[in-house]
Amino acid sequence: MSAVRFLARPMLASSFVLAGMDKLKNADDTAAQLSPLLRRAAESLPFQANEKVLARVIGGTQIGAGVCFALGKSARLAATVLAVISALNGYVEWRSADISSKQGRDARRKQLLKNVSLTGGVLLASVDTAGKPSLAWRAEHLAADARKTAGHFAADARKSTGKRLKQADKAARKAVDHAVGA
């Protein structure tokens, strides 16, 4: 892992881990803020769940993904989870912000820019392959290698089949000549 990744991942993850801890500590406030979305989520689940539990799940997920990202364990998956959570948080905070005063509108704009920046950072991290080829690249090259190998096998089969046909033809002619001459 490069020095930049070694330093940048924990720096970026720290915001998510702290926000997740805050969500866990203040699950009632989080549930109230996320209420419209959590209510819809609770309705679509096949089991009964209340908003406070879902708020805690989001907070715990944010902490877990942040720690995994900071440590570089399944970093791309963790960054993807953080991007989804960050986009969700940005939307919810933007909708629930106080816009009755100029200071409130300024705070709303700054919070939105912070969330957009964090989402952008983890989106970049979610596609970072750390210098290794992506899965799509690997799959594409594996398929190309398989086609190449199959082509070689087909050429070898044609070559050996052609030799066998020539030998069979020669043996058949010999048998015919022998039969006609007898």
N, C-alpha and C. Protein backbone atom coordinates (compact mmCIF):
# COMPACT_ATOMS: atom_id res chain seq x y z
N MET A 1 0.86 -1.17 0.00
CA MET A 1 0.00 0.00 0.00
C MET A 1 0.90 1.23 0.00
N SER A 2 0.55 2.20 -0.82
CA SER A 2 1.35 3.41 -0.90
C SER A 2 1.17 4.27 0.35
N ALA A 3 2.11 5.17 0.55
CA ALA A 3 2.04 6.06 1.72
C ALA A 3 0.79 6.95 1.66
N VAL A 4 0.41 7.35 0.46
CA VAL A 4 -0.78 8.20 0.31
C VAL A 4 -2.02 7.44 0.76
N ARG A 5 -2.17 6.21 0.28
CA ARG A 5 -3.33 5.41 0.69
C ARG A 5 -3.28 5.13 2.19
N PHE A 6 -2.10 4.84 2.70
CA PHE A 6 -1.92 4.55 4.12
C PHE A 6 -2.39 5.71 5.00
N LEU A 7 -2.15 6.92 4.55
CA LEU A 7 -2.58 8.11 5.31
C LEU A 7 -3.99 8.56 4.95
N ALA A 8 -4.33 8.50 3.68
CA ALA A 8 -5.60 9.08 3.23
C ALA A 8 -6.82 8.26 3.67
N ARG A 9 -6.71 6.95 3.66
CA ARG A 9 -7.87 6.14 4.03
C ARG A 9 -8.34 6.42 5.45
N PRO A 10 -7.45 6.38 6.45
CA PRO A 10 -7.93 6.68 7.81
C PRO A 10 -8.43 8.12 7.95
N MET A 11 -7.80 9.05 7.22
CA MET A 11 -8.25 10.44 7.29
C MET A 11 -9.67 10.57 6.77
N LEU A 12 -9.95 9.95 5.65
CA LEU A 12 -11.29 10.01 5.06
C LEU A 12 -12.29 9.22 5.91
N ALA A 13 -11.87 8.09 6.42
CA ALA A 13 -12.77 7.23 7.19
C ALA A 13 -13.13 7.84 8.54
N SER A 14 -12.27 8.66 9.09
CA SER A 14 -12.51 9.20 10.44
C SER A 14 -13.83 9.96 10.53
N SER A 15 -14.16 10.70 9.51
CA SER A 15 -15.42 11.44 9.50
C SER A 15 -16.62 10.50 9.57
N PHE A 16 -16.54 9.40 8.85
CA PHE A 16 -17.64 8.44 8.82
C PHE A 16 -17.75 7.68 10.14
N VAL A 17 -16.61 7.32 10.71
CA VAL A 17 -16.64 6.59 11.98
C VAL A 17 -17.22 7.47 13.08
N LEU A 18 -16.78 8.73 13.15
CA LEU A 18 -17.31 9.64 14.17
C LEU A 18 -18.80 9.91 13.97
N ALA A 19 -19.21 10.08 12.72
CA ALA A 19 -20.64 10.30 12.45
C ALA A 19 -21.46 9.06 12.81
N GLY A 20 -20.92 7.88 12.55
CA GLY A 20 -21.61 6.65 12.92
C GLY A 20 -21.74 6.50 14.42
N MET A 21 -20.68 6.86 15.15
CA MET A 21 -20.74 6.81 16.62
C MET A 21 -21.78 7.79 17.14
N ASP A 22 -21.85 8.96 16.52
CA ASP A 22 -22.85 9.95 16.91
C ASP A 22 -24.26 9.42 16.65
N LYS A 23 -24.44 8.73 15.53
CA LYS A 23 -25.75 8.15 15.22
C LYS A 23 -26.14 7.09 16.25
N LEU A 24 -25.18 6.30 16.69
CA LEU A 24 -25.48 5.28 17.70
C LEU A 24 -25.82 5.91 19.05
N LYS A 25 -25.03 6.92 19.43
CA LYS A 25 -25.28 7.57 20.73
C LYS A 25 -26.60 8.31 20.74
N ASN A 26 -26.95 8.93 19.64
CA ASN A 26 -28.16 9.73 19.55
C ASN A 26 -29.15 9.10 18.59
N ALA A 27 -29.48 7.85 18.83
CA ALA A 27 -30.36 7.10 17.92
C ALA A 27 -31.74 7.75 17.80
N ASP A 28 -32.23 8.36 18.89
CA ASP A 28 -33.54 9.01 18.82
C ASP A 28 -33.52 10.18 17.85
N ASP A 29 -32.48 11.03 17.97
CA ASP A 29 -32.36 12.17 17.06
C ASP A 29 -32.17 11.72 15.62
N THR A 30 -31.34 10.69 15.44
CA THR A 30 -31.10 10.16 14.10
C THR A 30 -32.38 9.62 13.50
N ALA A 31 -33.14 8.88 14.31
CA ALA A 31 -34.41 8.32 13.84
C ALA A 31 -35.38 9.43 13.46
N ALA A 32 -35.41 10.50 14.26
CA ALA A 32 -36.31 11.62 13.95
C ALA A 32 -35.89 12.30 12.64
N GLN A 33 -34.59 12.48 12.46
CA GLN A 33 -34.09 13.14 11.26
C GLN A 33 -34.32 12.26 10.02
N LEU A 34 -34.10 10.96 10.17
CA LEU A 34 -34.24 10.04 9.05
C LEU A 34 -35.65 9.47 8.92
N SER A 35 -36.56 9.94 9.73
CA SER A 35 -37.91 9.37 9.84
C SER A 35 -38.60 9.12 8.52
N PRO A 36 -38.68 10.09 7.60
CA PRO A 36 -39.40 9.80 6.35
C PRO A 36 -38.81 8.62 5.57
N LEU A 37 -37.49 8.57 5.49
CA LEU A 37 -36.87 7.48 4.75
C LEU A 37 -36.92 6.17 5.51
N LEU A 38 -36.72 6.23 6.82
CA LEU A 38 -36.74 5.01 7.62
C LEU A 38 -38.13 4.39 7.66
N ARG A 39 -39.15 5.23 7.66
CA ARG A 39 -40.52 4.73 7.67
C ARG A 39 -40.77 3.92 6.39
N ARG A 40 -40.32 4.45 5.25
CA ARG A 40 -40.48 3.74 3.99
C ARG A 40 -39.67 2.44 3.99
N ALA A 41 -38.46 2.51 4.53
CA ALA A 41 -37.61 1.31 4.59
C ALA A 41 -38.25 0.26 5.48
N ALA A 42 -38.77 0.67 6.63
CA ALA A 42 -39.40 -0.27 7.56
C ALA A 42 -40.62 -0.93 6.92
N GLU A 43 -41.36 -0.19 6.10
CA GLU A 43 -42.54 -0.75 5.44
C GLU A 43 -42.16 -1.79 4.38
N SER A 44 -41.01 -1.60 3.74
CA SER A 44 -40.63 -2.52 2.66
C SER A 44 -39.90 -3.76 3.17
N LEU A 45 -39.52 -3.78 4.44
CA LEU A 45 -38.84 -4.95 4.99
C LEU A 45 -39.84 -6.06 5.26
N PRO A 46 -39.41 -7.30 5.10
CA PRO A 46 -40.33 -8.42 5.33
C PRO A 46 -40.58 -8.70 6.82
N PHE A 47 -39.89 -7.99 7.68
CA PHE A 47 -40.07 -8.17 9.12
C PHE A 47 -40.35 -6.82 9.77
N GLN A 48 -40.81 -6.84 10.99
CA GLN A 48 -41.15 -5.61 11.71
C GLN A 48 -39.87 -4.98 12.27
N ALA A 49 -39.64 -3.72 11.95
CA ALA A 49 -38.48 -3.00 12.46
C ALA A 49 -38.90 -1.57 12.76
N ASN A 50 -38.38 -1.04 13.87
CA ASN A 50 -38.73 0.35 14.15
C ASN A 50 -37.61 1.27 13.68
N GLU A 51 -37.92 2.54 13.62
CA GLU A 51 -37.00 3.52 13.08
C GLU A 51 -35.73 3.65 13.91
N LYS A 52 -35.84 3.53 15.22
CA LYS A 52 -34.68 3.66 16.10
C LYS A 52 -33.68 2.53 15.83
N VAL A 53 -34.16 1.32 15.63
CA VAL A 53 -33.28 0.18 15.33
C VAL A 53 -32.60 0.40 13.98
N LEU A 54 -33.36 0.85 12.98
CA LEU A 54 -32.77 1.11 11.67
C LEU A 54 -31.72 2.23 11.74
N ALA A 55 -31.96 3.24 12.56
CA ALA A 55 -30.97 4.31 12.74
C ALA A 55 -29.69 3.74 13.35
N ARG A 56 -29.84 2.83 14.29
CA ARG A 56 -28.66 2.19 14.90
C ARG A 56 -27.93 1.30 13.88
N VAL A 57 -28.69 0.62 13.06
CA VAL A 57 -28.08 -0.22 12.02
C VAL A 57 -27.26 0.64 11.06
N ILE A 58 -27.83 1.78 10.67
CA ILE A 58 -27.10 2.69 9.78
C ILE A 58 -25.83 3.19 10.46
N GLY A 59 -25.93 3.57 11.71
CA GLY A 59 -24.76 4.03 12.46
C GLY A 59 -23.71 2.95 12.58
N GLY A 60 -24.13 1.74 12.92
CA GLY A 60 -23.19 0.63 13.04
C GLY A 60 -22.55 0.27 11.72
N THR A 61 -23.35 0.31 10.66
CA THR A 61 -22.81 0.04 9.32
C THR A 61 -21.78 1.09 8.94
N GLN A 62 -22.07 2.33 9.27
CA GLN A 62 -21.15 3.42 8.97
C GLN A 62 -19.84 3.23 9.72
N ILE A 63 -19.91 2.84 10.97
CA ILE A 63 -18.69 2.60 11.76
C ILE A 63 -17.92 1.42 11.18
N GLY A 64 -18.62 0.32 10.93
CA GLY A 64 -17.95 -0.88 10.41
C GLY A 64 -17.29 -0.63 9.06
N ALA A 65 -18.01 0.01 8.15
CA ALA A 65 -17.45 0.29 6.83
C ALA A 65 -16.29 1.28 6.94
N GLY A 66 -16.42 2.26 7.85
CA GLY A 66 -15.34 3.22 8.05
C GLY A 66 -14.07 2.57 8.58
N VAL A 67 -14.22 1.67 9.54
CA VAL A 67 -13.06 0.97 10.10
C VAL A 67 -12.42 0.07 9.04
N CYS A 68 -13.24 -0.68 8.31
CA CYS A 68 -12.71 -1.54 7.25
C CYS A 68 -11.97 -0.70 6.20
N PHE A 69 -12.56 0.42 5.82
CA PHE A 69 -11.92 1.29 4.84
C PHE A 69 -10.59 1.84 5.37
N ALA A 70 -10.60 2.28 6.62
CA ALA A 70 -9.38 2.84 7.22
C ALA A 70 -8.26 1.81 7.27
N LEU A 71 -8.61 0.55 7.55
CA LEU A 71 -7.61 -0.51 7.64
C LEU A 71 -7.25 -1.11 6.29
N GLY A 72 -8.01 -0.75 5.25
CA GLY A 72 -7.74 -1.28 3.92
C GLY A 72 -8.28 -2.69 3.72
N LYS A 73 -9.18 -3.12 4.57
CA LYS A 73 -9.79 -4.45 4.45
C LYS A 73 -11.08 -4.32 3.63
N SER A 74 -11.14 -4.98 2.50
CA SER A 74 -12.28 -4.85 1.57
C SER A 74 -12.57 -3.36 1.34
N ALA A 75 -11.53 -2.62 1.07
CA ALA A 75 -11.62 -1.16 0.99
C ALA A 75 -12.59 -0.68 -0.08
N ARG A 76 -12.63 -1.34 -1.22
CA ARG A 76 -13.53 -0.89 -2.28
C ARG A 76 -14.99 -1.11 -1.91
N LEU A 77 -15.28 -2.25 -1.31
CA LEU A 77 -16.65 -2.52 -0.86
C LEU A 77 -17.03 -1.55 0.25
N ALA A 78 -16.12 -1.35 1.21
CA ALA A 78 -16.40 -0.43 2.31
C ALA A 78 -16.62 0.99 1.78
N ALA A 79 -15.82 1.41 0.81
CA ALA A 79 -15.98 2.74 0.24
C ALA A 79 -17.31 2.88 -0.48
N THR A 80 -17.75 1.82 -1.14
CA THR A 80 -19.05 1.85 -1.81
C THR A 80 -20.18 2.00 -0.80
N VAL A 81 -20.10 1.26 0.30
CA VAL A 81 -21.11 1.37 1.37
C VAL A 81 -21.09 2.78 1.94
N LEU A 82 -19.90 3.33 2.17
CA LEU A 82 -19.80 4.68 2.70
C LEU A 82 -20.35 5.72 1.72
N ALA A 83 -20.17 5.49 0.43
CA ALA A 83 -20.71 6.42 -0.57
C ALA A 83 -22.23 6.44 -0.52
N VAL A 84 -22.84 5.27 -0.39
CA VAL A 84 -24.30 5.20 -0.30
C VAL A 84 -24.78 5.90 0.96
N ILE A 85 -24.13 5.60 2.08
CA ILE A 85 -24.53 6.22 3.35
C ILE A 85 -24.31 7.73 3.30
N SER A 86 -23.21 8.15 2.71
CA SER A 86 -22.93 9.58 2.61
C SER A 86 -23.95 10.31 1.76
N ALA A 87 -24.34 9.70 0.65
CA ALA A 87 -25.36 10.31 -0.21
C ALA A 87 -26.70 10.38 0.53
N LEU A 88 -27.03 9.33 1.23
CA LEU A 88 -28.26 9.31 2.03
C LEU A 88 -28.22 10.39 3.11
N ASN A 89 -27.11 10.47 3.84
CA ASN A 89 -26.97 11.50 4.87
C ASN A 89 -27.05 12.90 4.29
N GLY A 90 -26.39 13.10 3.16
CA GLY A 90 -26.42 14.42 2.53
C GLY A 90 -27.83 14.84 2.16
N TYR A 91 -28.58 13.92 1.59
CA TYR A 91 -29.96 14.22 1.20
C TYR A 91 -30.81 14.53 2.43
N VAL A 92 -30.70 13.68 3.45
CA VAL A 92 -31.53 13.86 4.65
C VAL A 92 -31.16 15.16 5.37
N GLU A 93 -29.88 15.43 5.52
CA GLU A 93 -29.46 16.67 6.19
C GLU A 93 -29.88 17.90 5.40
N TRP A 94 -29.83 17.83 4.09
CA TRP A 94 -30.22 18.96 3.25
C TRP A 94 -31.72 19.21 3.40
N ARG A 95 -32.52 18.13 3.41
CA ARG A 95 -33.98 18.28 3.54
C ARG A 95 -34.39 18.79 4.92
N SER A 96 -33.68 18.37 5.95
CA SER A 96 -34.11 18.71 7.31
C SER A 96 -33.44 19.95 7.87
N ALA A 97 -32.60 20.62 7.10
CA ALA A 97 -31.89 21.80 7.60
C ALA A 97 -32.85 22.98 7.77
N ASP A 98 -32.51 23.82 8.73
CA ASP A 98 -33.29 25.03 8.99
C ASP A 98 -32.90 26.10 7.96
N ILE A 99 -33.87 26.55 7.18
CA ILE A 99 -33.58 27.55 6.15
C ILE A 99 -34.35 28.84 6.40
N SER A 100 -34.77 29.03 7.63
CA SER A 100 -35.57 30.23 7.94
C SER A 100 -34.71 31.49 8.05
N SER A 101 -33.41 31.33 8.22
CA SER A 101 -32.53 32.50 8.33
C SER A 101 -31.37 32.36 7.34
N LYS A 102 -30.66 33.47 7.15
CA LYS A 102 -29.50 33.45 6.26
C LYS A 102 -28.43 32.51 6.80
N GLN A 103 -28.21 32.53 8.11
CA GLN A 103 -27.21 31.64 8.71
C GLN A 103 -27.60 30.17 8.50
N GLY A 104 -28.88 29.88 8.61
CA GLY A 104 -29.36 28.52 8.39
C GLY A 104 -29.15 28.06 6.96
N ARG A 105 -29.42 28.97 6.01
CA ARG A 105 -29.21 28.63 4.60
C ARG A 105 -27.72 28.45 4.31
N ASP A 106 -26.87 29.31 4.90
CA ASP A 106 -25.42 29.16 4.73
C ASP A 106 -24.92 27.84 5.31
N ALA A 107 -25.42 27.51 6.50
CA ALA A 107 -25.03 26.24 7.14
C ALA A 107 -25.49 25.06 6.30
N ARG A 108 -26.68 25.16 5.74
CA ARG A 108 -27.22 24.09 4.88
C ARG A 108 -26.33 23.90 3.65
N ARG A 109 -25.93 25.00 3.03
CA ARG A 109 -25.08 24.93 1.85
C ARG A 109 -23.72 24.32 2.19
N LYS A 110 -23.12 24.75 3.31
CA LYS A 110 -21.81 24.22 3.72
C LYS A 110 -21.90 22.73 4.03
N GLN A 111 -22.96 22.32 4.71
CA GLN A 111 -23.15 20.91 5.04
C GLN A 111 -23.33 20.08 3.77
N LEU A 112 -24.09 20.62 2.82
CA LEU A 112 -24.29 19.91 1.55
C LEU A 112 -22.97 19.76 0.81
N LEU A 113 -22.17 20.82 0.75
CA LEU A 113 -20.87 20.74 0.07
C LEU A 113 -19.94 19.75 0.75
N LYS A 114 -19.98 19.71 2.09
CA LYS A 114 -19.16 18.75 2.82
C LYS A 114 -19.59 17.33 2.47
N ASN A 115 -20.89 17.08 2.47
CA ASN A 115 -21.39 15.74 2.15
C ASN A 115 -21.09 15.35 0.71
N VAL A 116 -21.23 16.29 -0.21
CA VAL A 116 -20.91 16.00 -1.61
C VAL A 116 -19.42 15.69 -1.75
N SER A 117 -18.58 16.43 -1.05
CA SER A 117 -17.13 16.19 -1.09
C SER A 117 -16.78 14.82 -0.53
N LEU A 118 -17.37 14.47 0.60
CA LEU A 118 -17.11 13.16 1.19
C LEU A 118 -17.61 12.03 0.28
N THR A 119 -18.77 12.23 -0.31
CA THR A 119 -19.29 11.22 -1.23
C THR A 119 -18.36 11.06 -2.42
N GLY A 120 -17.88 12.17 -2.95
CA GLY A 120 -16.93 12.11 -4.06
C GLY A 120 -15.65 11.40 -3.69
N GLY A 121 -15.15 11.67 -2.49
CA GLY A 121 -13.92 11.02 -2.04
C GLY A 121 -14.07 9.51 -1.93
N VAL A 122 -15.16 9.06 -1.32
CA VAL A 122 -15.33 7.61 -1.19
C VAL A 122 -15.73 6.96 -2.51
N LEU A 123 -16.37 7.71 -3.41
CA LEU A 123 -16.63 7.16 -4.74
C LEU A 123 -15.32 6.91 -5.49
N LEU A 124 -14.40 7.86 -5.39
CA LEU A 124 -13.08 7.65 -6.00
C LEU A 124 -12.39 6.44 -5.38
N ALA A 125 -12.49 6.33 -4.06
CA ALA A 125 -11.86 5.20 -3.37
C ALA A 125 -12.52 3.88 -3.76
N SER A 126 -13.81 3.91 -4.07
CA SER A 126 -14.51 2.66 -4.42
C SER A 126 -14.06 2.10 -5.75
N VAL A 127 -13.46 2.90 -6.60
CA VAL A 127 -12.96 2.40 -7.88
C VAL A 127 -11.44 2.33 -7.92
N ASP A 128 -10.79 2.65 -6.81
CA ASP A 128 -9.34 2.60 -6.72
C ASP A 128 -8.89 1.15 -6.63
N THR A 129 -8.09 0.72 -7.59
CA THR A 129 -7.63 -0.66 -7.61
C THR A 129 -6.25 -0.81 -6.97
N ALA A 130 -5.71 0.24 -6.42
CA ALA A 130 -4.40 0.22 -5.77
C ALA A 130 -3.32 -0.31 -6.71
N GLY A 131 -3.42 0.05 -7.97
CA GLY A 131 -2.41 -0.36 -8.94
C GLY A 131 -2.62 -1.76 -9.50
N LYS A 132 -3.63 -2.46 -9.03
CA LYS A 132 -3.91 -3.80 -9.53
C LYS A 132 -5.03 -3.70 -10.56
N PRO A 133 -5.05 -4.62 -11.53
CA PRO A 133 -6.13 -4.58 -12.52
C PRO A 133 -7.49 -4.81 -11.87
N SER A 134 -8.50 -4.17 -12.43
CA SER A 134 -9.85 -4.34 -11.91
C SER A 134 -10.38 -5.73 -12.28
N LEU A 135 -11.48 -6.12 -11.67
CA LEU A 135 -12.08 -7.41 -11.98
C LEU A 135 -12.55 -7.47 -13.43
N ALA A 136 -13.07 -6.35 -13.93
CA ALA A 136 -13.53 -6.31 -15.32
C ALA A 136 -12.35 -6.53 -16.27
N TRP A 137 -11.22 -5.90 -16.00
CA TRP A 137 -10.03 -6.06 -16.84
C TRP A 137 -9.56 -7.50 -16.79
N ARG A 138 -9.53 -8.07 -15.58
CA ARG A 138 -9.09 -9.45 -15.44
C ARG A 138 -10.01 -10.40 -16.20
N ALA A 139 -11.32 -10.18 -16.09
CA ALA A 139 -12.28 -11.05 -16.77
C ALA A 139 -12.12 -10.93 -18.28
N GLU A 140 -11.95 -9.71 -18.77
CA GLU A 140 -11.79 -9.49 -20.20
C GLU A 140 -10.55 -10.21 -20.73
N HIS A 141 -9.44 -10.10 -19.99
CA HIS A 141 -8.21 -10.75 -20.44
C HIS A 141 -8.26 -12.27 -20.27
N LEU A 142 -8.96 -12.75 -19.27
CA LEU A 142 -9.15 -14.18 -19.11
C LEU A 142 -9.96 -14.74 -20.28
N ALA A 143 -11.00 -14.02 -20.69
CA ALA A 143 -11.81 -14.45 -21.83
C ALA A 143 -10.97 -14.43 -23.11
N ALA A 144 -10.15 -13.41 -23.29
CA ALA A 144 -9.29 -13.34 -24.49
C ALA A 144 -8.30 -14.49 -24.50
N ASP A 145 -7.72 -14.80 -23.35
CA ASP A 145 -6.78 -15.93 -23.26
C ASP A 145 -7.49 -17.25 -23.56
N ALA A 146 -8.73 -17.38 -23.07
CA ALA A 146 -9.50 -18.60 -23.33
C ALA A 146 -9.79 -18.74 -24.82
N ARG A 147 -10.16 -17.62 -25.48
CA ARG A 147 -10.41 -17.67 -26.93
C ARG A 147 -9.13 -18.06 -27.69
N LYS A 148 -8.02 -17.51 -27.26
CA LYS A 148 -6.74 -17.80 -27.91
C LYS A 148 -6.39 -19.28 -27.75
N THR A 149 -6.54 -19.79 -26.54
CA THR A 149 -6.25 -21.20 -26.28
C THR A 149 -7.18 -22.10 -27.06
N ALA A 150 -8.46 -21.75 -27.11
CA ALA A 150 -9.43 -22.54 -27.88
C ALA A 150 -9.06 -22.53 -29.36
N GLY A 151 -8.60 -21.39 -29.86
CA GLY A 151 -8.17 -21.31 -31.26
C GLY A 151 -6.98 -22.22 -31.53
N HIS A 152 -6.03 -22.26 -30.57
CA HIS A 152 -4.87 -23.15 -30.73
C HIS A 152 -5.32 -24.62 -30.73
N PHE A 153 -6.25 -24.97 -29.82
CA PHE A 153 -6.75 -26.35 -29.77
C PHE A 153 -7.46 -26.70 -31.07
N ALA A 154 -8.25 -25.77 -31.60
CA ALA A 154 -8.97 -26.03 -32.85
C ALA A 154 -7.99 -26.22 -34.00
N ALA A 155 -6.95 -25.40 -34.06
CA ALA A 155 -5.95 -25.53 -35.12
C ALA A 155 -5.22 -26.86 -35.01
N ASP A 156 -4.86 -27.25 -33.78
CA ASP A 156 -4.21 -28.54 -33.57
C ASP A 156 -5.13 -29.68 -33.97
N ALA A 157 -6.41 -29.56 -33.66
CA ALA A 157 -7.38 -30.61 -34.01
C ALA A 157 -7.51 -30.72 -35.53
N ARG A 158 -7.60 -29.56 -36.21
CA ARG A 158 -7.69 -29.58 -37.68
C ARG A 158 -6.45 -30.23 -38.28
N LYS A 159 -5.29 -29.89 -37.73
CA LYS A 159 -4.02 -30.41 -38.24
C LYS A 159 -3.96 -31.93 -38.06
N SER A 160 -4.26 -32.40 -36.86
CA SER A 160 -4.18 -33.84 -36.62
C SER A 160 -5.28 -34.58 -37.36
N THR A 161 -6.46 -33.97 -37.49
CA THR A 161 -7.55 -34.60 -38.24
C THR A 161 -7.18 -34.70 -39.71
N GLY A 162 -6.56 -33.64 -40.23
CA GLY A 162 -6.12 -33.66 -41.64
C GLY A 162 -5.11 -34.76 -41.88
N LYS A 163 -4.17 -34.94 -40.97
CA LYS A 163 -3.17 -36.01 -41.12
C LYS A 163 -3.84 -37.37 -41.10
N ARG A 164 -4.78 -37.54 -40.17
CA ARG A 164 -5.48 -38.83 -40.07
C ARG A 164 -6.30 -39.10 -41.35
N LEU A 165 -6.94 -38.05 -41.88
CA LEU A 165 -7.71 -38.23 -43.11
C LEU A 165 -6.81 -38.63 -44.27
N LYS A 166 -5.64 -38.00 -44.37
CA LYS A 166 -4.70 -38.35 -45.43
C LYS A 166 -4.23 -39.79 -45.29
N GLN A 167 -3.95 -40.20 -44.04
CA GLN A 167 -3.52 -41.57 -43.81
C GLN A 167 -4.64 -42.56 -44.15
N ALA A 168 -5.87 -42.22 -43.77
CA ALA A 168 -7.00 -43.10 -44.07
C ALA A 168 -7.24 -43.18 -45.57
N ASP A 169 -7.10 -42.04 -46.26
CA ASP A 169 -7.28 -42.00 -47.70
C ASP A 169 -6.22 -42.87 -48.38
N LYS A 170 -4.99 -42.75 -47.93
CA LYS A 170 -3.88 -43.51 -48.49
C LYS A 170 -4.11 -45.00 -48.28
N ALA A 171 -4.56 -45.36 -47.05
CA ALA A 171 -4.82 -46.77 -46.75
C ALA A 171 -5.99 -47.29 -47.58
N ALA A 172 -7.02 -46.46 -47.79
CA ALA A 172 -8.17 -46.88 -48.59
C ALA A 172 -7.78 -47.09 -50.04
N ARG A 173 -6.98 -46.18 -50.58
CA ARG A 173 -6.52 -46.31 -51.97
C ARG A 173 -5.68 -47.58 -52.14
N LYS A 174 -4.83 -47.80 -51.14
CA LYS A 174 -3.98 -48.97 -51.18
C LYS A 174 -4.84 -50.24 -51.17
N ALA A 175 -5.89 -50.22 -50.32
CA ALA A 175 -6.76 -51.39 -50.22
C ALA A 175 -7.52 -51.59 -51.54
N VAL A 176 -7.97 -50.49 -52.15
CA VAL A 176 -8.70 -50.57 -53.41
C VAL A 176 -7.76 -51.10 -54.51
N ASP A 177 -6.55 -50.53 -54.55
CA ASP A 177 -5.58 -50.98 -55.56
C ASP A 177 -5.26 -52.45 -55.36
N HIS A 178 -5.12 -52.85 -54.12
CA HIS A 178 -4.81 -54.25 -53.82
C HIS A 178 -5.99 -55.15 -54.23
N ALA A 179 -7.22 -54.69 -53.98
CA ALA A 179 -8.41 -55.47 -54.29
C ALA A 179 -8.60 -55.57 -55.82
N VAL A 180 -8.35 -54.48 -56.52
CA VAL A 180 -8.53 -54.45 -57.97
C VAL A 180 -7.44 -55.30 -58.61
N GLY A 181 -6.26 -55.26 -58.09
CA GLY A 181 -5.15 -56.01 -58.65
C GLY A 181 -5.22 -57.49 -58.32
N ALA A 182 -6.04 -57.89 -57.39
CA ALA A 182 -6.05 -59.29 -56.99
C ALA A 182 -6.83 -60.17 -57.86
